[in-house]
């Protein structure tokens, strides 16, 4: 892969994305953190997790709880989650 493609891919992965209903992705067992995100209805706290396919994902509290249920305490490898 050329440097231009790699640089563009890294820039897109660094931007945060919001998962949609029915979206499947592999969540990596990296340390999540919180960020204040500007939205349609003002600022809100979102959790930031890493995914294999999309890079950085913003998830709300309920989606974060679903992810932790899927991990089930085993953070040694990534898990597939459907939103």
N, C-alpha and C. Protein backbone atom coordinates (compact mmCIF):
# COMPACT_ATOMS: atom_id res chain seq x y z
N UNK A 1 0.85 -1.17 0.00
CA UNK A 1 0.00 0.00 0.00
C UNK A 1 0.90 1.23 0.00
N UNK A 2 0.54 2.21 -0.79
CA UNK A 2 1.36 3.41 -0.87
C UNK A 2 1.19 4.27 0.38
N UNK A 3 2.13 5.19 0.54
CA UNK A 3 2.10 6.06 1.73
C UNK A 3 0.87 6.96 1.74
N UNK A 4 0.42 7.39 0.55
CA UNK A 4 -0.76 8.26 0.46
C UNK A 4 -2.00 7.53 0.96
N UNK A 5 -2.16 6.27 0.53
CA UNK A 5 -3.30 5.48 0.98
C UNK A 5 -3.25 5.26 2.48
N UNK A 6 -2.09 4.91 2.99
CA UNK A 6 -1.94 4.66 4.42
C UNK A 6 -2.22 5.92 5.22
N UNK A 7 -1.70 7.06 4.77
CA UNK A 7 -1.91 8.32 5.47
C UNK A 7 -3.40 8.69 5.49
N UNK A 8 -4.08 8.51 4.36
CA UNK A 8 -5.51 8.82 4.29
C UNK A 8 -6.32 7.88 5.18
N UNK A 9 -5.95 6.61 5.18
CA UNK A 9 -6.65 5.62 6.01
C UNK A 9 -6.49 5.95 7.48
N UNK A 10 -5.28 6.32 7.90
CA UNK A 10 -5.04 6.67 9.30
C UNK A 10 -5.82 7.92 9.70
N UNK A 11 -5.93 8.89 8.79
CA UNK A 11 -6.68 10.11 9.10
C UNK A 11 -8.17 9.81 9.28
N UNK A 12 -8.72 8.94 8.46
CA UNK A 12 -10.13 8.58 8.57
C UNK A 12 -10.39 7.79 9.85
N UNK A 13 -9.50 6.86 10.19
CA UNK A 13 -9.66 6.07 11.41
C UNK A 13 -9.57 6.93 12.67
N UNK A 14 -8.82 8.03 12.61
CA UNK A 14 -8.65 8.89 13.78
C UNK A 14 -9.92 9.70 14.07
N UNK A 15 -10.78 9.90 13.06
CA UNK A 15 -12.03 10.63 13.28
C UNK A 15 -13.03 9.71 13.98
N UNK A 16 -13.78 10.28 14.88
CA UNK A 16 -14.79 9.50 15.59
C UNK A 16 -16.02 9.25 14.74
N UNK A 17 -16.62 8.08 14.90
CA UNK A 17 -17.82 7.72 14.18
C UNK A 17 -18.88 7.25 15.18
N UNK A 18 -20.13 7.36 14.79
CA UNK A 18 -21.23 6.90 15.62
C UNK A 18 -21.79 5.62 15.01
N UNK A 19 -21.88 4.53 15.79
CA UNK A 19 -22.44 3.29 15.24
C UNK A 19 -23.94 3.43 14.98
N UNK A 20 -24.39 2.75 13.94
CA UNK A 20 -25.81 2.75 13.59
C UNK A 20 -26.43 1.40 13.95
N UNK A 21 -27.73 1.37 14.03
CA UNK A 21 -28.44 0.14 14.36
C UNK A 21 -28.17 -0.90 13.27
N UNK A 22 -27.85 -2.12 13.71
CA UNK A 22 -27.57 -3.21 12.80
C UNK A 22 -26.12 -3.30 12.36
N UNK A 23 -25.29 -2.34 12.76
CA UNK A 23 -23.89 -2.33 12.39
C UNK A 23 -23.12 -3.36 13.21
N UNK A 24 -22.30 -4.17 12.54
CA UNK A 24 -21.47 -5.16 13.23
C UNK A 24 -20.01 -4.75 13.09
N UNK A 25 -19.26 -4.86 14.17
CA UNK A 25 -17.83 -4.58 14.11
C UNK A 25 -17.12 -5.30 15.25
N UNK A 26 -15.80 -5.42 15.11
CA UNK A 26 -14.97 -6.04 16.13
C UNK A 26 -14.43 -4.94 17.02
N UNK A 27 -14.78 -5.00 18.30
CA UNK A 27 -14.31 -4.03 19.28
C UNK A 27 -13.00 -4.55 19.87
N UNK A 28 -11.97 -3.73 19.82
CA UNK A 28 -10.66 -4.11 20.35
C UNK A 28 -10.61 -3.86 21.86
N UNK A 29 -9.85 -4.68 22.59
CA UNK A 29 -9.80 -4.54 24.06
C UNK A 29 -8.85 -3.44 24.52
N UNK A 30 -8.98 -2.24 23.95
CA UNK A 30 -8.18 -1.10 24.38
C UNK A 30 -8.91 -0.36 25.49
N UNK A 31 -8.20 0.47 26.19
CA UNK A 31 -8.77 1.22 27.32
C UNK A 31 -9.76 2.28 26.82
N UNK A 32 -11.05 2.20 27.17
CA UNK A 32 -12.01 3.22 26.74
C UNK A 32 -11.82 4.51 27.55
N UNK A 33 -12.24 5.62 26.98
CA UNK A 33 -12.21 6.90 27.70
C UNK A 33 -13.45 7.69 27.30
N UNK A 34 -13.71 8.77 28.02
CA UNK A 34 -14.90 9.58 27.75
C UNK A 34 -14.51 10.91 27.10
N UNK A 35 -15.44 11.43 26.32
CA UNK A 35 -15.27 12.73 25.67
C UNK A 35 -16.61 13.44 25.66
N UNK A 36 -16.57 14.76 25.72
CA UNK A 36 -17.77 15.57 25.55
C UNK A 36 -17.94 15.81 24.05
N UNK A 37 -19.08 15.42 23.51
CA UNK A 37 -19.32 15.51 22.08
C UNK A 37 -20.47 16.48 21.83
N UNK A 38 -20.27 17.39 20.87
CA UNK A 38 -21.35 18.30 20.46
C UNK A 38 -22.30 17.53 19.57
N UNK A 39 -23.57 17.57 19.91
CA UNK A 39 -24.57 16.89 19.11
C UNK A 39 -25.71 17.80 18.74
N UNK A 40 -26.72 17.23 18.17
CA UNK A 40 -27.89 17.98 17.73
C UNK A 40 -28.58 18.66 18.91
N UNK A 41 -28.57 18.01 20.08
CA UNK A 41 -29.27 18.53 21.25
C UNK A 41 -28.30 19.02 22.33
N UNK A 42 -27.10 19.46 21.97
CA UNK A 42 -26.13 19.97 22.92
C UNK A 42 -25.01 18.99 23.18
N UNK A 43 -24.22 19.30 24.19
CA UNK A 43 -23.09 18.44 24.53
C UNK A 43 -23.54 17.25 25.36
N UNK A 44 -22.87 16.11 25.13
CA UNK A 44 -23.17 14.93 25.93
C UNK A 44 -21.91 14.09 26.08
N UNK A 45 -21.88 13.30 27.14
CA UNK A 45 -20.74 12.45 27.41
C UNK A 45 -20.86 11.16 26.60
N UNK A 46 -19.81 10.83 25.86
CA UNK A 46 -19.77 9.60 25.06
C UNK A 46 -18.51 8.83 25.44
N UNK A 47 -18.60 7.52 25.35
CA UNK A 47 -17.44 6.66 25.54
C UNK A 47 -16.78 6.41 24.20
N UNK A 48 -15.47 6.40 24.18
CA UNK A 48 -14.72 6.18 22.95
C UNK A 48 -14.05 4.82 23.03
N UNK A 49 -14.37 3.95 22.05
CA UNK A 49 -13.78 2.62 21.97
C UNK A 49 -13.16 2.46 20.58
N UNK A 50 -12.23 1.53 20.47
CA UNK A 50 -11.56 1.27 19.19
C UNK A 50 -12.17 0.05 18.52
N UNK A 51 -12.41 0.16 17.21
CA UNK A 51 -12.90 -0.98 16.45
C UNK A 51 -11.90 -1.31 15.34
N UNK A 52 -11.92 -2.55 14.93
CA UNK A 52 -11.00 -3.00 13.89
C UNK A 52 -11.34 -2.38 12.54
N UNK A 53 -12.62 -2.32 12.20
CA UNK A 53 -13.04 -1.87 10.89
C UNK A 53 -13.11 -0.35 10.75
N UNK A 54 -13.58 0.34 11.78
CA UNK A 54 -13.89 1.76 11.67
C UNK A 54 -12.98 2.68 12.46
N UNK A 55 -12.11 2.14 13.28
CA UNK A 55 -11.26 2.99 14.11
C UNK A 55 -12.01 3.43 15.35
N UNK A 56 -11.99 4.72 15.63
CA UNK A 56 -12.58 5.27 16.85
C UNK A 56 -14.10 5.36 16.72
N UNK A 57 -14.81 4.80 17.72
CA UNK A 57 -16.27 4.85 17.75
C UNK A 57 -16.74 5.57 19.01
N UNK A 58 -17.74 6.44 18.85
CA UNK A 58 -18.40 7.06 19.99
C UNK A 58 -19.63 6.23 20.32
N UNK A 59 -19.72 5.76 21.56
CA UNK A 59 -20.89 4.98 21.98
C UNK A 59 -21.49 5.63 23.23
N UNK A 60 -22.81 5.50 23.38
CA UNK A 60 -23.46 6.05 24.57
C UNK A 60 -23.36 5.04 25.72
N UNK A 61 -23.92 5.38 26.84
CA UNK A 61 -23.79 4.54 28.04
C UNK A 61 -24.41 3.16 27.85
N UNK A 62 -25.55 3.08 27.17
CA UNK A 62 -26.23 1.81 26.99
C UNK A 62 -25.46 0.91 26.02
N UNK A 63 -24.92 1.50 24.96
CA UNK A 63 -24.10 0.73 24.03
C UNK A 63 -22.83 0.25 24.72
N UNK A 64 -22.26 1.10 25.58
CA UNK A 64 -21.06 0.71 26.32
C UNK A 64 -21.35 -0.47 27.25
N UNK A 65 -22.50 -0.45 27.91
CA UNK A 65 -22.88 -1.57 28.77
C UNK A 65 -23.04 -2.86 27.96
N UNK A 66 -23.61 -2.75 26.77
CA UNK A 66 -23.75 -3.92 25.90
C UNK A 66 -22.38 -4.48 25.52
N UNK A 67 -21.43 -3.60 25.22
CA UNK A 67 -20.08 -4.04 24.86
C UNK A 67 -19.43 -4.76 26.03
N UNK A 68 -19.58 -4.24 27.24
CA UNK A 68 -18.97 -4.90 28.40
C UNK A 68 -19.62 -6.26 28.67
N UNK A 69 -20.92 -6.39 28.38
CA UNK A 69 -21.57 -7.69 28.52
C UNK A 69 -21.02 -8.70 27.53
N UNK A 70 -20.74 -8.25 26.32
CA UNK A 70 -20.19 -9.15 25.30
C UNK A 70 -18.78 -9.57 25.67
N UNK A 71 -17.97 -8.66 26.20
CA UNK A 71 -16.62 -9.01 26.64
C UNK A 71 -16.67 -10.02 27.79
N UNK A 72 -17.64 -9.91 28.66
CA UNK A 72 -17.84 -10.83 29.78
C UNK A 72 -16.58 -10.99 30.64
N UNK A 73 -15.86 -9.90 30.86
CA UNK A 73 -14.69 -9.92 31.72
C UNK A 73 -13.41 -10.41 31.08
N UNK A 74 -13.46 -10.92 29.85
CA UNK A 74 -12.27 -11.43 29.16
C UNK A 74 -11.82 -10.40 28.12
N UNK A 75 -10.83 -9.58 28.49
CA UNK A 75 -10.35 -8.52 27.61
C UNK A 75 -9.04 -8.91 26.93
N UNK A 76 -8.84 -10.20 26.64
CA UNK A 76 -7.61 -10.66 26.00
C UNK A 76 -7.66 -10.54 24.49
N UNK A 77 -8.86 -10.52 23.90
CA UNK A 77 -8.98 -10.39 22.44
C UNK A 77 -10.25 -9.61 22.11
N UNK A 78 -10.36 -9.19 20.86
CA UNK A 78 -11.51 -8.41 20.42
C UNK A 78 -12.77 -9.26 20.34
N UNK A 79 -13.91 -8.60 20.38
CA UNK A 79 -15.20 -9.29 20.28
C UNK A 79 -16.05 -8.62 19.20
N UNK A 80 -16.92 -9.40 18.57
CA UNK A 80 -17.83 -8.87 17.57
C UNK A 80 -19.10 -8.40 18.26
N UNK A 81 -19.50 -7.16 17.97
CA UNK A 81 -20.67 -6.56 18.60
C UNK A 81 -21.59 -6.06 17.50
N UNK A 82 -22.89 -6.30 17.68
CA UNK A 82 -23.90 -5.74 16.78
C UNK A 82 -24.69 -4.69 17.55
N UNK A 83 -24.78 -3.51 16.99
CA UNK A 83 -25.47 -2.40 17.65
C UNK A 83 -26.92 -2.36 17.29
